[in-house]
Amino acid sequence: MGKYFGTDGFRGEANVTLRAEHAYQIGRFLGWYYGELRRQKGDTTTPQIVIGKDTRRSSYMFESMLVGGIVASGADAYILHVTTTPSVAYVARVDQFDCGIMISASHNPYYDNGIKLINHNGEKMDPEVIDLIESYIDGRLTVFGKSWGAEIPRAKRDKIGRSIDYASGRNRYIGYLISLGVYSFKGLKVALDCANGSSWNIAPSVFNALGATVSVINADPDGLNINANAGSTHIEGLQKYVVEHGMDVGFAYDGDADRCLAVDEKGNVVTGDHILYLYGRYMKERDKLVNNTVVTTVMSNFGLYKAFDELGIDYAKTKVGDKYVYEYMSEHGCHIGGEQSGHIIFSKYASTGDGILTSLKIMQAMIGQKKKLSEIVEPLYIYPQVLKNVRVADKEAAQNDPDVKLAVQRVAETLGDTGRILVRPSGTEPLIRVMVEAETKAQCEELVDSVIKVIRDKGLAAE
């Protein structure tokens, strides 16, 4: 991770960590950089960059600053307005933009925001471009065989770019999702929790078009209520709604709708692991599971792996982050992967996690098998899990301490094939995360605490 950009963009509190001038600088660089790339090839046409945003109040400020920077550098900015992250990725890829930008802090509260960059293939931006942006922000840019510092050329006269309303791109994405509906949803009652975010007008349009009887909650954004007791991070409201109103299924999205969790007709939460299980199994039964592999992260539940073993499905484990899941899928040609949190990637249809697409695929599995969601996921046993964080002075020293490693080994031996332990450093904080999955919650607590005690007894904790 860089100084400003993490695995999911430049994120922070609006006008504190992530400021308006940062957005302007990012726009300036991207508009100039893609123009220069064209010029180096003898191409004098104008670069084109597409921009989407979520419903946060600060998203409008960042949109204006990005557009200002882009056009000042001689590129055209195409504005999708309020839309989802996967829609920006789709439009960037299909309409052959130089790159895409999504303004969102995903599931974070309204006062945070972020700038996510997407390349022309609809994938997360190439790391080398991110490095150049950071260099430009810090006034030390060197590229194309020259040191620019913080001064890159501005467009003049007829070379100044334009801003263009591109709501049609968002509408085309909606049409694309509708086209993926294999079955009619007629006769099914579906509840959607839009988190007062990007999906508020897109998801209902898709489900209505496919014939479902749709009920929508948390679809009244005011700039301050995105993710507020709503959406995939506060799914209890949807659970209650589904049960009280006799819905067949419910889907909850996060602020930018790149993730989805579901609720079955009984009100039980269906996590990303459940989704990987139900759709991985559905694909295998139809001989559609390419390489017979589902891609997970190391945080997927032990029960998921046990279930895959019983089904004869292979699996890969990547580092935490949908970025790493997608990289593995691309390299090995896998068609389904994702995270426990609900970032699910169907690589045949999208280059990023797409919450609305995920909900359509769950509907397909339900209708195709003529089963309720609870029946489809019933065979999957999710093991109790306890995760605790320990603040440390040195993450590497704590994780590699011989006594800590011995304590971890003892836990692994105790669990055998009835659970697992995972000890890993936080990617952003001075923390060691200790996680145990076992047959009972009490056993999880006991074994996690046994490792944390060693960390503290050795003087490695900073608490």
Protein backbone atom coordinates (compact mmCIF):
# COMPACT_ATOMS: atom_id res chain seq x y z
CA MET A 1 0.00 0.00 0.00
CA GLY A 2 1.13 3.53 -0.72
CA LYS A 3 1.18 6.74 1.24
CA TYR A 4 -2.31 7.80 0.14
CA PHE A 5 -3.84 4.84 -1.69
CA GLY A 6 -4.69 1.56 0.00
CA THR A 7 -6.02 -1.63 -1.57
CA ASP A 8 -9.35 0.08 -2.24
CA GLY A 9 -8.40 3.61 -3.26
CA PHE A 10 -7.57 6.86 -1.46
CA ARG A 11 -9.89 6.83 1.55
CA GLY A 12 -10.30 9.01 4.61
CA GLU A 13 -12.44 11.61 6.33
CA ALA A 14 -13.63 14.17 3.80
CA ASN A 15 -11.67 17.46 3.95
CA VAL A 16 -9.45 16.03 6.71
CA THR A 17 -7.46 13.09 5.34
CA LEU A 18 -8.91 13.20 1.85
CA ARG A 19 -9.23 16.83 0.80
CA ALA A 20 -10.70 18.66 -2.18
CA GLU A 21 -7.25 19.55 -3.49
CA HIS A 22 -6.33 15.86 -3.56
CA ALA A 23 -9.23 15.22 -5.93
CA TYR A 24 -8.15 18.12 -8.15
CA GLN A 25 -4.57 16.80 -8.26
CA ILE A 26 -5.75 13.29 -9.13
CA GLY A 27 -7.91 14.70 -11.93
CA ARG A 28 -5.04 16.86 -13.19
CA PHE A 29 -2.67 13.93 -13.30
CA LEU A 30 -5.03 11.46 -14.95
CA GLY A 31 -6.18 13.91 -17.61
CA TRP A 32 -2.57 14.79 -18.47
CA TYR A 33 -1.13 11.29 -18.16
CA TYR A 34 -3.59 9.61 -20.53
CA GLY A 35 -3.23 12.47 -22.97
CA GLU A 36 0.53 12.08 -22.88
CA LEU A 37 0.24 8.33 -23.40
CA ARG A 38 -1.77 9.04 -26.54
CA ARG A 39 0.66 11.70 -27.76
CA GLN A 40 3.59 9.32 -27.34
CA LYS A 41 1.83 7.01 -29.83
CA GLY A 42 1.12 9.83 -32.26
CA ASP A 43 -2.55 9.95 -31.29
CA THR A 44 -3.94 13.50 -30.95
CA THR A 45 -7.45 12.52 -29.87
CA THR A 46 -8.81 13.61 -26.48
CA PRO A 47 -8.60 11.25 -23.50
CA GLN A 48 -11.92 10.25 -21.94
CA ILE A 49 -12.45 9.51 -18.25
CA VAL A 50 -15.75 8.34 -16.72
CA ILE A 51 -16.78 9.29 -13.17
CA GLY A 52 -19.40 7.91 -10.79
CA LYS A 53 -20.24 8.77 -7.19
CA ASP A 54 -22.26 7.53 -4.24
CA THR A 55 -24.77 9.54 -2.21
CA ARG A 56 -22.47 11.16 0.39
CA ARG A 57 -22.70 14.92 0.62
CA SER A 58 -18.95 15.26 0.02
CA SER A 59 -19.15 13.16 -3.17
CA TYR A 60 -20.47 16.19 -5.05
CA MET A 61 -17.48 18.27 -3.94
CA PHE A 62 -15.00 15.61 -5.00
CA GLU A 63 -16.77 15.11 -8.31
CA SER A 64 -16.48 18.82 -9.10
CA MET A 65 -12.79 18.90 -8.20
CA LEU A 66 -11.98 15.79 -10.22
CA VAL A 67 -13.80 17.19 -13.24
CA GLY A 68 -11.96 20.51 -12.85
CA GLY A 69 -8.59 18.77 -12.81
CA ILE A 70 -9.41 16.48 -15.71
CA VAL A 71 -10.60 19.21 -18.08
CA ALA A 72 -7.76 21.54 -17.04
CA SER A 73 -5.38 18.86 -18.31
CA GLY A 74 -7.15 18.53 -21.63
CA ALA A 75 -9.28 15.41 -21.13
CA ASP A 76 -13.05 14.99 -21.26
CA ALA A 77 -14.91 13.98 -18.09
CA TYR A 78 -18.02 11.83 -18.57
CA ILE A 79 -20.33 12.01 -15.55
CA LEU A 80 -22.48 9.03 -14.56
CA HIS A 81 -23.84 10.85 -11.47
CA VAL A 82 -24.95 8.65 -8.54
CA THR A 83 -24.19 5.07 -9.48
CA THR A 84 -22.45 1.92 -8.25
CA THR A 85 -18.77 1.01 -8.35
CA PRO A 86 -19.39 -2.03 -10.60
CA SER A 87 -21.29 0.18 -13.06
CA VAL A 88 -18.24 2.43 -13.43
CA ALA A 89 -16.08 -0.65 -14.03
CA TYR A 90 -18.57 -1.92 -16.62
CA VAL A 91 -18.82 1.38 -18.49
CA ALA A 92 -15.04 1.95 -18.43
CA ARG A 93 -14.51 -1.46 -20.03
CA VAL A 94 -17.39 -1.61 -22.50
CA ASP A 95 -17.22 2.00 -23.70
CA GLN A 96 -13.42 1.97 -23.93
CA PHE A 97 -12.62 4.84 -21.58
CA ASP A 98 -9.02 5.54 -20.67
CA CYS A 99 -9.96 4.97 -17.04
CA GLY A 100 -12.81 5.25 -14.56
CA ILE A 101 -13.17 6.94 -11.18
CA MET A 102 -15.61 6.05 -8.41
CA ILE A 103 -16.13 8.44 -5.50
CA SER A 104 -17.12 6.35 -2.49
CA ALA A 105 -15.98 5.07 0.88
CA SER A 106 -18.03 1.89 0.46
CA HIS A 107 -19.48 0.78 3.82
CA ASN A 108 -17.89 3.62 5.84
CA PRO A 109 -20.01 6.37 7.50
CA TYR A 110 -21.06 9.44 5.52
CA TYR A 111 -18.24 11.70 6.74
CA ASP A 112 -15.63 9.44 5.12
CA ASN A 113 -15.10 9.28 1.40
CA GLY A 114 -12.76 7.74 -1.12
CA ILE A 115 -11.50 7.88 -4.67
CA LYS A 116 -11.30 4.49 -6.37
CA LEU A 117 -9.47 4.30 -9.69
CA ILE A 118 -10.36 1.78 -12.40
CA ASN A 119 -8.32 0.99 -15.50
CA HIS A 120 -9.62 0.63 -19.06
CA ASN A 121 -10.31 -3.07 -18.49
CA GLY A 122 -12.66 -2.30 -15.61
CA GLU A 123 -10.14 -3.58 -13.08
CA LYS A 124 -8.51 -1.83 -10.15
CA MET A 125 -5.93 0.67 -11.35
CA ASP A 126 -2.44 -0.59 -12.14
CA PRO A 127 -0.06 -0.11 -9.18
CA GLU A 128 2.51 1.77 -11.29
CA VAL A 129 -0.08 4.45 -12.14
CA ILE A 130 -1.01 4.77 -8.46
CA ASP A 131 2.68 5.26 -7.64
CA LEU A 132 2.90 8.06 -10.21
CA ILE A 133 -0.15 9.80 -8.77
CA GLU A 134 1.34 9.69 -5.29
CA SER A 135 4.61 11.09 -6.64
CA TYR A 136 2.71 13.94 -8.30
CA ILE A 137 0.78 14.76 -5.12
CA ASP A 138 4.10 14.93 -3.26
CA GLY A 139 5.68 17.13 -5.93
CA ARG A 140 8.30 14.62 -7.10
CA LEU A 141 6.85 13.23 -10.31
CA THR A 142 9.26 11.62 -12.78
CA VAL A 143 7.79 9.93 -15.83
CA PHE A 144 8.28 9.77 -19.60
CA GLY A 145 11.99 10.31 -19.06
CA LYS A 146 11.59 13.68 -17.35
CA SER A 147 11.28 15.12 -13.85
CA TRP A 148 8.11 17.19 -13.57
CA GLY A 149 7.95 17.80 -9.83
CA ALA A 150 4.48 19.23 -9.20
CA GLU A 151 4.25 21.11 -12.53
CA ILE A 152 2.58 19.34 -15.40
CA PRO A 153 1.27 21.18 -18.47
CA ARG A 154 -2.19 22.74 -18.49
CA ALA A 155 -4.44 22.63 -21.52
CA LYS A 156 -5.05 25.91 -23.34
CA ARG A 157 -7.61 27.33 -25.74
CA ASP A 158 -9.38 24.61 -27.73
CA LYS A 159 -7.41 21.88 -25.92
CA ILE A 160 -9.25 22.45 -22.63
CA GLY A 161 -11.50 19.46 -21.96
CA ARG A 162 -15.25 19.21 -21.47
CA SER A 163 -17.61 17.70 -18.91
CA ILE A 164 -20.32 15.52 -20.45
CA ASP A 165 -23.50 14.14 -18.89
CA TYR A 166 -23.30 10.38 -19.30
CA ALA A 167 -26.39 9.10 -17.49
CA SER A 168 -26.95 6.94 -20.58
CA GLY A 169 -23.95 4.84 -19.54
CA ARG A 170 -25.56 4.07 -16.20
CA ASN A 171 -28.82 3.20 -17.90
CA ARG A 172 -27.02 0.83 -20.24
CA TYR A 173 -25.50 -0.92 -17.22
CA ILE A 174 -29.01 -1.38 -15.80
CA GLY A 175 -30.03 -2.93 -19.11
CA TYR A 176 -27.03 -5.23 -18.95
CA LEU A 177 -28.03 -6.51 -15.50
CA ILE A 178 -31.59 -7.09 -16.65
CA SER A 179 -30.26 -9.08 -19.62
CA LEU A 180 -28.53 -11.46 -17.20
CA GLY A 181 -31.84 -12.49 -15.66
CA VAL A 182 -32.15 -16.11 -16.81
CA TYR A 183 -35.57 -16.59 -15.19
CA SER A 184 -38.60 -14.43 -14.53
CA PHE A 185 -38.95 -13.41 -10.88
CA LYS A 186 -42.73 -13.25 -11.14
CA GLY A 187 -44.46 -14.49 -8.00
CA LEU A 188 -41.44 -13.94 -5.73
CA LYS A 189 -41.43 -11.30 -3.01
CA VAL A 190 -38.02 -9.66 -2.73
CA ALA A 191 -36.86 -7.11 -0.15
CA LEU A 192 -33.96 -4.80 -0.99
CA ASP A 193 -31.94 -2.79 1.54
CA CYS A 194 -30.12 -0.14 -0.48
CA ALA A 195 -28.19 1.38 2.47
CA ASN A 196 -29.28 4.87 1.31
CA GLY A 197 -26.44 4.48 -1.14
CA SER A 198 -25.60 3.96 -4.78
CA SER A 199 -28.06 1.13 -5.43
CA TRP A 200 -31.13 3.07 -4.32
CA ASN A 201 -32.52 3.62 -7.82
CA ILE A 202 -30.67 0.88 -9.74
CA ALA A 203 -31.46 -2.33 -7.82
CA PRO A 204 -35.26 -1.74 -7.65
CA SER A 205 -35.31 -0.98 -11.38
CA VAL A 206 -33.61 -4.29 -12.17
CA PHE A 207 -35.82 -6.42 -9.92
CA ASN A 208 -39.00 -4.71 -11.07
CA ALA A 209 -38.04 -5.29 -14.70
CA LEU A 210 -37.55 -9.00 -14.00
CA GLY A 211 -41.04 -9.30 -12.53
CA ALA A 212 -40.42 -9.55 -8.78
CA THR A 213 -42.76 -8.06 -6.21
CA VAL A 214 -40.25 -5.62 -4.75
CA SER A 215 -40.17 -3.97 -1.33
CA VAL A 216 -37.39 -1.45 -0.72
CA ILE A 217 -35.98 -0.09 2.53
CA ASN A 218 -33.28 2.51 3.13
CA ALA A 219 -33.62 4.06 -0.32
CA ASP A 220 -34.05 7.70 0.67
CA PRO A 221 -30.53 9.18 0.60
CA ASP A 222 -30.00 12.65 2.04
CA GLY A 223 -26.20 12.82 1.88
CA LEU A 224 -25.81 12.00 5.56
CA ASN A 225 -27.58 8.66 6.04
CA ILE A 226 -25.57 6.34 3.79
CA ASN A 227 -24.92 3.06 5.68
CA ALA A 228 -26.55 4.53 8.82
CA ASN A 229 -28.10 1.49 10.53
CA ALA A 230 -28.70 0.16 7.03
CA GLY A 231 -27.29 -2.11 4.38
CA SER A 232 -24.95 -5.06 4.54
CA THR A 233 -23.14 -3.84 7.68
CA HIS A 234 -26.42 -3.44 9.61
CA ILE A 235 -28.45 -6.29 8.23
CA GLU A 236 -30.66 -6.76 11.29
CA GLY A 237 -33.22 -4.31 9.87
CA LEU A 238 -33.60 -6.39 6.72
CA GLN A 239 -33.86 -9.60 8.76
CA LYS A 240 -36.78 -8.17 10.68
CA TYR A 241 -38.45 -6.84 7.54
CA VAL A 242 -38.23 -10.14 5.67
CA VAL A 243 -39.85 -12.08 8.51
CA GLU A 244 -42.55 -9.53 9.34
CA HIS A 245 -43.61 -9.08 5.70
CA GLY A 246 -43.34 -12.70 4.59
CA MET A 247 -40.72 -12.05 1.92
CA ASP A 248 -39.15 -14.92 -0.03
CA VAL A 249 -35.67 -13.39 0.16
CA GLY A 250 -33.89 -10.16 1.03
CA PHE A 251 -30.71 -8.56 -0.28
CA ALA A 252 -28.58 -5.93 1.46
CA TYR A 253 -25.98 -3.81 -0.33
CA ASP A 254 -23.27 -1.52 0.98
CA GLY A 255 -22.79 2.15 0.10
CA ASP A 256 -21.39 1.63 -3.40
CA ALA A 257 -23.12 -1.73 -4.01
CA ASP A 258 -20.02 -3.78 -4.75
CA ARG A 259 -21.00 -6.24 -2.04
CA CYS A 260 -24.17 -8.10 -1.14
CA LEU A 261 -25.39 -10.17 1.78
CA ALA A 262 -28.71 -11.99 1.74
CA VAL A 263 -31.45 -12.94 4.19
CA ASP A 264 -33.41 -16.15 3.71
CA GLU A 265 -37.18 -16.43 4.17
CA LYS A 266 -36.67 -17.36 7.85
CA GLY A 267 -34.63 -14.23 8.57
CA ASN A 268 -31.23 -15.92 8.69
CA VAL A 269 -28.20 -14.06 7.32
CA VAL A 270 -26.58 -15.55 4.23
CA THR A 271 -22.94 -14.42 4.20
CA GLY A 272 -20.39 -14.29 1.42
CA ASP A 273 -19.25 -17.79 2.41
CA HIS A 274 -22.81 -19.08 2.03
CA ILE A 275 -23.00 -17.45 -1.40
CA LEU A 276 -19.72 -19.01 -2.53
CA TYR A 277 -21.01 -22.37 -1.31
CA LEU A 278 -24.45 -22.23 -2.89
CA TYR A 279 -23.32 -20.89 -6.25
CA GLY A 280 -20.11 -22.93 -6.40
CA ARG A 281 -22.21 -26.06 -5.84
CA TYR A 282 -24.80 -24.89 -8.38
CA MET A 283 -22.08 -24.34 -10.98
CA LYS A 284 -20.49 -27.73 -10.32
CA GLU A 285 -23.82 -29.54 -10.65
CA ARG A 286 -24.24 -27.96 -14.11
CA ASP A 287 -20.60 -28.57 -15.15
CA LYS A 288 -20.00 -24.81 -15.21
CA LEU A 289 -17.34 -24.63 -12.48
CA VAL A 290 -14.21 -23.92 -14.51
CA ASN A 291 -11.11 -25.57 -13.03
CA ASN A 292 -13.44 -27.01 -10.36
CA THR A 293 -12.20 -24.14 -8.14
CA VAL A 294 -13.76 -21.46 -5.96
CA VAL A 295 -11.45 -18.64 -4.87
CA THR A 296 -11.70 -17.50 -1.23
CA THR A 297 -9.63 -15.43 1.19
CA VAL A 298 -7.95 -16.74 4.32
CA MET A 299 -10.87 -15.34 6.35
CA SER A 300 -13.45 -17.69 4.87
CA ASN A 301 -14.96 -20.02 7.46
CA PHE A 302 -13.51 -23.46 8.14
CA GLY A 303 -16.96 -24.89 7.52
CA LEU A 304 -16.88 -23.69 3.91
CA TYR A 305 -13.74 -25.70 3.23
CA LYS A 306 -15.18 -28.79 4.89
CA ALA A 307 -18.27 -28.46 2.71
CA PHE A 308 -16.18 -28.04 -0.46
CA ASP A 309 -14.14 -31.11 0.48
CA GLU A 310 -17.35 -33.15 0.75
CA LEU A 311 -18.53 -31.86 -2.64
CA GLY A 312 -15.18 -32.49 -4.32
CA ILE A 313 -14.71 -28.78 -5.07
CA ASP A 314 -11.20 -27.37 -5.00
CA TYR A 315 -10.51 -23.96 -3.47
CA ALA A 316 -7.82 -21.33 -3.33
CA LYS A 317 -7.08 -18.99 -0.42
CA THR A 318 -5.77 -15.48 -1.06
CA LYS A 319 -4.91 -12.57 1.18
CA VAL A 320 -7.86 -10.55 2.46
CA GLY A 321 -9.14 -8.14 -0.19
CA ASP A 322 -11.21 -8.56 -3.34
CA LYS A 323 -8.21 -7.20 -5.26
CA TYR A 324 -6.27 -10.37 -4.44
CA VAL A 325 -9.24 -12.60 -5.20
CA TYR A 326 -9.62 -11.06 -8.65
CA GLU A 327 -5.88 -11.29 -9.37
CA TYR A 328 -5.91 -15.01 -8.59
CA MET A 329 -9.05 -15.56 -10.66
CA SER A 330 -7.54 -13.75 -13.65
CA GLU A 331 -4.26 -15.64 -13.43
CA HIS A 332 -5.85 -19.07 -13.11
CA GLY A 333 -9.01 -18.62 -15.17
CA CYS A 334 -11.47 -19.14 -12.29
CA HIS A 335 -15.06 -17.97 -12.65
CA ILE A 336 -16.21 -17.44 -9.06
CA GLY A 337 -14.52 -16.07 -5.96
CA GLY A 338 -15.07 -13.67 -3.12
CA GLU A 339 -14.99 -12.69 0.50
CA GLN A 340 -17.01 -13.49 3.58
CA SER A 341 -18.11 -9.83 3.64
CA GLY A 342 -20.09 -10.25 0.42
CA HIS A 343 -17.64 -9.12 -2.28
CA ILE A 344 -18.43 -11.83 -4.81
CA ILE A 345 -16.85 -11.82 -8.27
CA PHE A 346 -18.42 -13.60 -11.23
CA SER A 347 -15.61 -13.08 -13.72
CA LYS A 348 -17.65 -14.17 -16.74
CA TYR A 349 -19.89 -11.15 -16.23
CA ALA A 350 -17.91 -8.54 -14.28
CA SER A 351 -14.38 -7.47 -13.44
CA THR A 352 -15.20 -6.50 -9.86
CA GLY A 353 -17.50 -7.47 -7.02
CA ASP A 354 -21.07 -6.51 -7.94
CA GLY A 355 -23.75 -6.66 -5.26
CA ILE A 356 -26.73 -6.48 -7.60
CA LEU A 357 -25.28 -9.09 -9.93
CA THR A 358 -24.66 -11.32 -6.89
CA SER A 359 -28.31 -11.05 -5.86
CA LEU A 360 -29.40 -11.97 -9.40
CA LYS A 361 -27.19 -15.05 -9.29
CA ILE A 362 -28.69 -16.12 -5.95
CA MET A 363 -32.16 -15.75 -7.47
CA GLN A 364 -31.03 -17.88 -10.42
CA ALA A 365 -29.84 -20.64 -8.08
CA MET A 366 -33.10 -20.55 -6.10
CA ILE A 367 -35.37 -20.64 -9.14
CA GLY A 368 -33.19 -23.08 -11.07
CA GLN A 369 -33.26 -25.58 -8.20
CA LYS A 370 -36.86 -24.79 -7.20
CA LYS A 371 -35.78 -24.39 -3.59
CA LYS A 372 -36.00 -21.78 -0.88
CA LEU A 373 -32.78 -20.04 0.03
CA SER A 374 -32.74 -21.66 3.49
CA GLU A 375 -32.88 -25.11 1.87
CA ILE A 376 -29.98 -24.37 -0.47
CA VAL A 377 -27.59 -23.23 2.27
CA GLU A 378 -28.74 -25.68 4.96
CA PRO A 379 -25.93 -28.23 4.35
CA LEU A 380 -23.25 -25.60 5.07
CA TYR A 381 -22.23 -25.56 8.73
CA ILE A 382 -20.56 -22.31 9.77
CA TYR A 383 -18.16 -22.93 12.62
CA PRO A 384 -18.20 -20.56 15.61
CA GLN A 385 -15.47 -17.96 15.25
CA VAL A 386 -13.67 -15.62 17.64
CA LEU A 387 -11.38 -12.89 16.36
CA LYS A 388 -9.44 -10.64 18.73
CA ASN A 389 -6.92 -7.90 18.01
CA VAL A 390 -3.77 -7.23 20.01
CA ARG A 391 -2.01 -3.88 19.67
CA VAL A 392 1.72 -4.48 19.34
CA ALA A 393 4.87 -2.39 19.02
CA ASP A 394 6.23 -4.48 16.14
CA LYS A 395 3.91 -6.69 14.08
CA GLU A 396 6.68 -8.74 12.51
CA ALA A 397 8.46 -9.35 15.82
CA ALA A 398 5.22 -10.42 17.49
CA GLN A 399 4.18 -12.79 14.73
CA ASN A 400 7.62 -14.38 14.38
CA ASP A 401 8.42 -14.72 18.08
CA PRO A 402 9.34 -18.40 18.73
CA ASP A 403 7.08 -18.71 21.78
CA VAL A 404 4.15 -17.15 19.94
CA LYS A 405 4.68 -19.51 17.02
CA LEU A 406 4.81 -22.45 19.45
CA ALA A 407 1.53 -21.33 21.06
CA VAL A 408 -0.09 -21.15 17.62
CA GLN A 409 1.24 -24.61 16.76
CA ARG A 410 -0.21 -26.05 20.00
CA VAL A 411 -3.63 -24.61 19.18
CA ALA A 412 -3.46 -26.08 15.66
CA GLU A 413 -2.57 -29.48 17.10
CA THR A 414 -5.40 -29.24 19.62
CA LEU A 415 -7.92 -28.48 16.89
CA GLY A 416 -6.67 -31.04 14.38
CA ASP A 417 -9.33 -31.32 11.67
CA THR A 418 -12.08 -29.88 13.89
CA GLY A 419 -11.15 -26.21 13.40
CA ARG A 420 -8.33 -23.85 12.61
CA ILE A 421 -6.28 -20.90 13.87
CA LEU A 422 -5.20 -17.90 11.81
CA VAL A 423 -2.76 -15.28 13.09
CA ARG A 424 -2.06 -12.35 10.79
CA PRO A 425 -0.98 -8.71 10.98
CA SER A 426 -3.39 -5.89 10.18
CA GLY A 427 -2.61 -4.21 6.90
CA THR A 428 -3.33 -0.71 8.20
CA GLU A 429 -2.89 -0.71 11.99
CA PRO A 430 -0.25 -1.90 14.53
CA LEU A 431 -2.35 -4.96 15.35
CA ILE A 432 -1.99 -8.71 15.35
CA ARG A 433 -5.28 -10.47 14.64
CA VAL A 434 -5.80 -13.85 16.30
CA MET A 435 -8.74 -15.87 14.96
CA VAL A 436 -9.91 -19.36 15.91
CA GLU A 437 -12.76 -21.41 14.47
CA ALA A 438 -13.80 -24.46 16.46
CA GLU A 439 -16.81 -26.57 17.35
CA THR A 440 -17.90 -24.31 20.22
CA LYS A 441 -17.64 -20.60 20.95
CA ALA A 442 -16.17 -21.36 24.38
CA GLN A 443 -13.34 -23.34 22.84
CA CYS A 444 -12.65 -20.49 20.39
CA GLU A 445 -12.40 -18.00 23.26
CA GLU A 446 -10.11 -20.24 25.29
CA LEU A 447 -7.69 -20.91 22.43
CA VAL A 448 -7.55 -17.30 21.20
CA ASP A 449 -6.83 -16.11 24.74
CA SER A 450 -4.05 -18.68 25.13
CA VAL A 451 -2.15 -17.14 22.21
CA ILE A 452 -2.81 -13.56 23.26
CA LYS A 453 -1.54 -14.38 26.76
CA VAL A 454 1.82 -15.45 25.30
CA ILE A 455 2.06 -12.24 23.26
CA ARG A 456 1.46 -10.20 26.41
CA ASP A 457 3.68 -12.31 28.67
CA LYS A 458 6.57 -11.83 26.23
CA GLY A 459 6.16 -8.02 26.43
CA LEU A 460 5.21 -7.78 22.76
CA ALA A 461 1.88 -6.05 23.32
CA ALA A 462 1.74 -2.26 23.25
CA GLU A 463 -1.33 -2.07 25.49
